[in-house]
């Protein structure tokens, strides 16, 4: 991997504040009744040579 593709601290992947919510649909007209918070404010970094999976 080229030097320019990496962040200054050696991370090849860096995510801050990741949020993913899935809407809960309800009723005949499928209005949104709430949400399932799968991920809420996650920070993640992967350095060269590390495995994510």
PDB file of N, CA and C in Angstrom:
ATOM      1  N   UNK A   1       0.848  -1.174   0.000  1.00  0.00           N
ATOM      2  CA  UNK A   1       0.000   0.000   0.000  1.00  0.00           C
ATOM      3  C   UNK A   1       0.890   1.232   0.000  1.00  0.00           C
ATOM      4  N   UNK A   2       0.519   2.207  -0.769  1.00  0.00           N
ATOM      5  CA  UNK A   2       1.328   3.421  -0.854  1.00  0.00           C
ATOM      6  C   UNK A   2       1.228   4.238   0.426  1.00  0.00           C
ATOM      7  N   UNK A   3       2.241   5.015   0.694  1.00  0.00           N
ATOM      8  CA  UNK A   3       2.268   5.871   1.886  1.00  0.00           C
ATOM      9  C   UNK A   3       1.091   6.844   1.890  1.00  0.00           C
ATOM     10  N   UNK A   4       0.706   7.338   0.718  1.00  0.00           N
ATOM     11  CA  UNK A   4      -0.360   8.339   0.654  1.00  0.00           C
ATOM     12  C   UNK A   4      -1.728   7.753   0.999  1.00  0.00           C
ATOM     13  N   UNK A   5      -1.904   6.437   0.867  1.00  0.00           N
ATOM     14  CA  UNK A   5      -3.188   5.811   1.167  1.00  0.00           C
ATOM     15  C   UNK A   5      -3.371   5.559   2.660  1.00  0.00           C
ATOM     16  N   UNK A   6      -2.307   5.632   3.434  1.00  0.00           N
ATOM     17  CA  UNK A   6      -2.378   5.391   4.868  1.00  0.00           C
ATOM     18  C   UNK A   6      -2.518   6.711   5.612  1.00  0.00           C
ATOM     19  N   UNK A   7      -3.163   6.662   6.786  1.00  0.00           N
ATOM     20  CA  UNK A   7      -3.248   7.856   7.612  1.00  0.00           C
ATOM     21  C   UNK A   7      -1.913   8.082   8.294  1.00  0.00           C
ATOM     22  N   UNK A   8      -1.756   9.194   8.955  1.00  0.00           N
ATOM     23  CA  UNK A   8      -0.477   9.556   9.564  1.00  0.00           C
ATOM     24  C   UNK A   8      -0.055   8.603  10.677  1.00  0.00           C
ATOM     25  N   UNK A   9      -0.993   7.879  11.297  1.00  0.00           N
ATOM     26  CA  UNK A   9      -0.634   6.956  12.374  1.00  0.00           C
ATOM     27  C   UNK A   9      -0.566   5.503  11.911  1.00  0.00           C
ATOM     28  N   UNK A  10      -0.566   5.240  10.609  1.00  0.00           N
ATOM     29  CA  UNK A  10      -0.417   3.891  10.079  1.00  0.00           C
ATOM     30  C   UNK A  10      -1.718   3.142   9.843  1.00  0.00           C
ATOM     31  N   UNK A  11      -2.861   3.766  10.074  1.00  0.00           N
ATOM     32  CA  UNK A  11      -4.145   3.103   9.839  1.00  0.00           C
ATOM     33  C   UNK A  11      -4.437   3.052   8.342  1.00  0.00           C
ATOM     34  N   UNK A  12      -4.935   1.891   7.878  1.00  0.00           N
ATOM     35  CA  UNK A  12      -5.383   1.806   6.489  1.00  0.00           C
ATOM     36  C   UNK A  12      -6.903   1.943   6.404  1.00  0.00           C
ATOM     37  N   UNK A  13      -7.569   1.811   7.561  1.00  0.00           N
ATOM     38  CA  UNK A  13      -9.009   2.045   7.658  1.00  0.00           C
ATOM     39  C   UNK A  13      -9.286   2.710   8.993  1.00  0.00           C
ATOM     40  N   UNK A  14     -10.006   3.823   8.951  1.00  0.00           N
ATOM     41  CA  UNK A  14     -10.348   4.523  10.186  1.00  0.00           C
ATOM     42  C   UNK A  14     -11.776   5.042  10.071  1.00  0.00           C
ATOM     43  N   UNK A  15     -12.609   4.683  11.059  1.00  0.00           N
ATOM     44  CA  UNK A  15     -14.007   5.099  11.097  1.00  0.00           C
ATOM     45  C   UNK A  15     -14.268   5.705  12.465  1.00  0.00           C
ATOM     46  N   UNK A  16     -14.936   6.842  12.496  1.00  0.00           N
ATOM     47  CA  UNK A  16     -15.273   7.494  13.764  1.00  0.00           C
ATOM     48  C   UNK A  16     -16.758   7.827  13.779  1.00  0.00           C
ATOM     49  N   UNK A  17     -17.428   7.433  14.854  1.00  0.00           N
ATOM     50  CA  UNK A  17     -18.836   7.786  15.035  1.00  0.00           C
ATOM     51  C   UNK A  17     -19.794   7.076  14.098  1.00  0.00           C
ATOM     52  N   UNK A  18     -19.503   5.832  13.727  1.00  0.00           N
ATOM     53  CA  UNK A  18     -20.362   5.076  12.812  1.00  0.00           C
ATOM     54  C   UNK A  18     -21.724   4.818  13.450  1.00  0.00           C
ATOM     55  N   UNK A  19     -22.784   5.088  12.684  1.00  0.00           N
ATOM     56  CA  UNK A  19     -24.156   4.888  13.151  1.00  0.00           C
ATOM     57  C   UNK A  19     -24.929   4.155  12.063  1.00  0.00           C
ATOM     58  N   UNK A  20     -25.661   3.089  12.460  1.00  0.00           N
ATOM     59  CA  UNK A  20     -26.562   2.391  11.530  1.00  0.00           C
ATOM     60  C   UNK A  20     -27.807   1.973  12.293  1.00  0.00           C
ATOM     61  N   UNK A  21     -28.939   2.574  11.923  1.00  0.00           N
ATOM     62  CA  UNK A  21     -30.222   2.258  12.538  1.00  0.00           C
ATOM     63  C   UNK A  21     -31.138   1.695  11.457  1.00  0.00           C
ATOM     64  N   UNK A  22     -31.935   0.677  11.820  1.00  0.00           N
ATOM     65  CA  UNK A  22     -32.895   0.084  10.904  1.00  0.00           C
ATOM     66  C   UNK A  22     -34.303   0.444  11.371  1.00  0.00           C
ATOM     67  N   UNK A  23     -35.130   1.014  10.491  1.00  0.00           N
ATOM     68  CA  UNK A  23     -36.481   1.415  10.896  1.00  0.00           C
ATOM     69  C   UNK A  23     -37.375   0.201  11.155  1.00  0.00           C
ATOM     70  N   UNK A  24     -38.264   0.335  12.129  1.00  0.00           N
ATOM     71  CA  UNK A  24     -39.275  -0.685  12.413  1.00  0.00           C
ATOM     72  C   UNK A  24     -40.574  -0.193  11.786  1.00  0.00           C
ATOM     73  N   UNK A  25     -41.074  -0.931  10.817  1.00  0.00           N
ATOM     74  CA  UNK A  25     -42.314  -0.562  10.113  1.00  0.00           C
ATOM     75  C   UNK A  25     -43.496  -1.253  10.778  1.00  0.00           C
ATOM     76  N   UNK A  26     -44.627  -0.552  10.838  1.00  0.00           N
ATOM     77  CA  UNK A  26     -45.794  -1.078  11.533  1.00  0.00           C
ATOM     78  C   UNK A  26     -47.068  -0.616  10.841  1.00  0.00           C
ATOM     79  N   UNK A  27     -48.123  -1.391  10.993  1.00  0.00           N
ATOM     80  CA  UNK A  27     -49.433  -0.998  10.493  1.00  0.00           C
ATOM     81  C   UNK A  27     -49.639  -1.300   9.021  1.00  0.00           C
ATOM     82  N   UNK A  28     -50.845  -1.011   8.567  1.00  0.00           N
ATOM     83  CA  UNK A  28     -51.240  -1.270   7.187  1.00  0.00           C
ATOM     84  C   UNK A  28     -50.438  -0.414   6.214  1.00  0.00           C
ATOM     85  N   UNK A  29     -50.170   0.833   6.590  1.00  0.00           N
ATOM     86  CA  UNK A  29     -49.465   1.751   5.699  1.00  0.00           C
ATOM     87  C   UNK A  29     -47.959   1.772   5.943  1.00  0.00           C
ATOM     88  N   UNK A  30     -47.477   0.856   6.788  1.00  0.00           N
ATOM     89  CA  UNK A  30     -46.042   0.681   7.051  1.00  0.00           C
ATOM     90  C   UNK A  30     -45.359   1.970   7.496  1.00  0.00           C
ATOM     91  N   UNK A  31     -45.976   2.662   8.453  1.00  0.00           N
ATOM     92  CA  UNK A  31     -45.322   3.855   8.997  1.00  0.00           C
ATOM     93  C   UNK A  31     -44.184   3.428   9.931  1.00  0.00           C
ATOM     94  N   UNK A  32     -43.226   4.283  10.134  1.00  0.00           N
ATOM     95  CA  UNK A  32     -42.086   3.987  10.995  1.00  0.00           C
ATOM     96  C   UNK A  32     -42.502   4.126  12.454  1.00  0.00           C
ATOM     97  N   UNK A  33     -42.355   3.026  13.218  1.00  0.00           N
ATOM     98  CA  UNK A  33     -42.779   3.002  14.615  1.00  0.00           C
ATOM     99  C   UNK A  33     -41.599   3.064  15.576  1.00  0.00           C
ATOM    100  N   UNK A  34     -40.406   3.088  15.066  1.00  0.00           N
ATOM    101  CA  UNK A  34     -39.207   3.107  15.904  1.00  0.00           C
ATOM    102  C   UNK A  34     -38.013   2.666  15.080  1.00  0.00           C
ATOM    103  N   UNK A  35     -36.936   2.323  15.777  1.00  0.00           N
ATOM    104  CA  UNK A  35     -35.734   1.888  15.072  1.00  0.00           C
ATOM    105  C   UNK A  35     -34.923   0.934  15.936  1.00  0.00           C
ATOM    106  N   UNK A  36     -34.269  -0.012  15.270  1.00  0.00           N
ATOM    107  CA  UNK A  36     -33.303  -0.895  15.921  1.00  0.00           C
ATOM    108  C   UNK A  36     -31.936  -0.266  15.715  1.00  0.00           C
ATOM    109  N   UNK A  37     -31.236  -0.005  16.801  1.00  0.00           N
ATOM    110  CA  UNK A  37     -29.908   0.609  16.718  1.00  0.00           C
ATOM    111  C   UNK A  37     -28.857  -0.495  16.647  1.00  0.00           C
ATOM    112  N   UNK A  38     -28.461  -0.858  15.426  1.00  0.00           N
ATOM    113  CA  UNK A  38     -27.476  -1.918  15.232  1.00  0.00           C
ATOM    114  C   UNK A  38     -26.091  -1.451  15.670  1.00  0.00           C
ATOM    115  N   UNK A  39     -25.738  -0.242  15.304  1.00  0.00           N
ATOM    116  CA  UNK A  39     -24.454   0.367  15.656  1.00  0.00           C
ATOM    117  C   UNK A  39     -24.744   1.824  15.980  1.00  0.00           C
ATOM    118  N   UNK A  40     -24.152   2.324  17.067  1.00  0.00           N
ATOM    119  CA  UNK A  40     -24.442   3.697  17.469  1.00  0.00           C
ATOM    120  C   UNK A  40     -23.192   4.348  18.055  1.00  0.00           C
ATOM    121  N   UNK A  41     -22.444   5.046  17.212  1.00  0.00           N
ATOM    122  CA  UNK A  41     -21.271   5.786  17.669  1.00  0.00           C
ATOM    123  C   UNK A  41     -20.020   4.944  17.844  1.00  0.00           C
ATOM    124  N   UNK A  42     -19.753   4.027  16.918  1.00  0.00           N
ATOM    125  CA  UNK A  42     -18.596   3.132  17.010  1.00  0.00           C
ATOM    126  C   UNK A  42     -17.386   3.758  16.322  1.00  0.00           C
ATOM    127  N   UNK A  43     -16.234   3.670  16.988  1.00  0.00           N
ATOM    128  CA  UNK A  43     -14.957   4.080  16.405  1.00  0.00           C
ATOM    129  C   UNK A  43     -14.150   2.821  16.108  1.00  0.00           C
ATOM    130  N   UNK A  44     -13.474   2.790  14.957  1.00  0.00           N
ATOM    131  CA  UNK A  44     -12.737   1.610  14.533  1.00  0.00           C
ATOM    132  C   UNK A  44     -11.524   2.031  13.727  1.00  0.00           C
ATOM    133  N   UNK A  45     -10.401   1.370  13.963  1.00  0.00           N
ATOM    134  CA  UNK A  45      -9.239   1.588  13.108  1.00  0.00           C
ATOM    135  C   UNK A  45      -8.550   0.255  12.870  1.00  0.00           C
ATOM    136  N   UNK A  46      -8.061   0.060  11.653  1.00  0.00           N
ATOM    137  CA  UNK A  46      -7.344  -1.151  11.266  1.00  0.00           C
ATOM    138  C   UNK A  46      -6.001  -0.720  10.709  1.00  0.00           C
ATOM    139  N   UNK A  47      -4.945  -1.294  11.249  1.00  0.00           N
ATOM    140  CA  UNK A  47      -3.598  -0.976  10.788  1.00  0.00           C
ATOM    141  C   UNK A  47      -3.141  -1.997   9.754  1.00  0.00           C
ATOM    142  N   UNK A  48      -2.144  -1.640   8.988  1.00  0.00           N
ATOM    143  CA  UNK A  48      -1.578  -2.546   8.003  1.00  0.00           C
ATOM    144  C   UNK A  48      -1.123  -3.825   8.695  1.00  0.00           C
ATOM    145  N   UNK A  49      -1.503  -4.980   8.139  1.00  0.00           N
ATOM    146  CA  UNK A  49      -1.135  -6.272   8.701  1.00  0.00           C
ATOM    147  C   UNK A  49      -2.167  -6.846   9.656  1.00  0.00           C
ATOM    148  N   UNK A  50      -3.135  -6.048  10.104  1.00  0.00           N
ATOM    149  CA  UNK A  50      -4.194  -6.546  10.981  1.00  0.00           C
ATOM    150  C   UNK A  50      -5.322  -7.143  10.141  1.00  0.00           C
ATOM    151  N   UNK A  51      -6.092  -8.031  10.760  1.00  0.00           N
ATOM    152  CA  UNK A  51      -7.208  -8.678  10.086  1.00  0.00           C
ATOM    153  C   UNK A  51      -8.510  -8.260  10.751  1.00  0.00           C
ATOM    154  N   UNK A  52      -9.506  -7.964   9.942  1.00  0.00           N
ATOM    155  CA  UNK A  52     -10.832  -7.613  10.438  1.00  0.00           C
ATOM    156  C   UNK A  52     -11.807  -8.625   9.867  1.00  0.00           C
ATOM    157  N   UNK A  53     -12.563  -9.260  10.719  1.00  0.00           N
ATOM    158  CA  UNK A  53     -13.522 -10.222  10.184  1.00  0.00           C
ATOM    159  C   UNK A  53     -14.162 -11.060  11.228  1.00  0.00           C
TER     160      UNK A  53
END
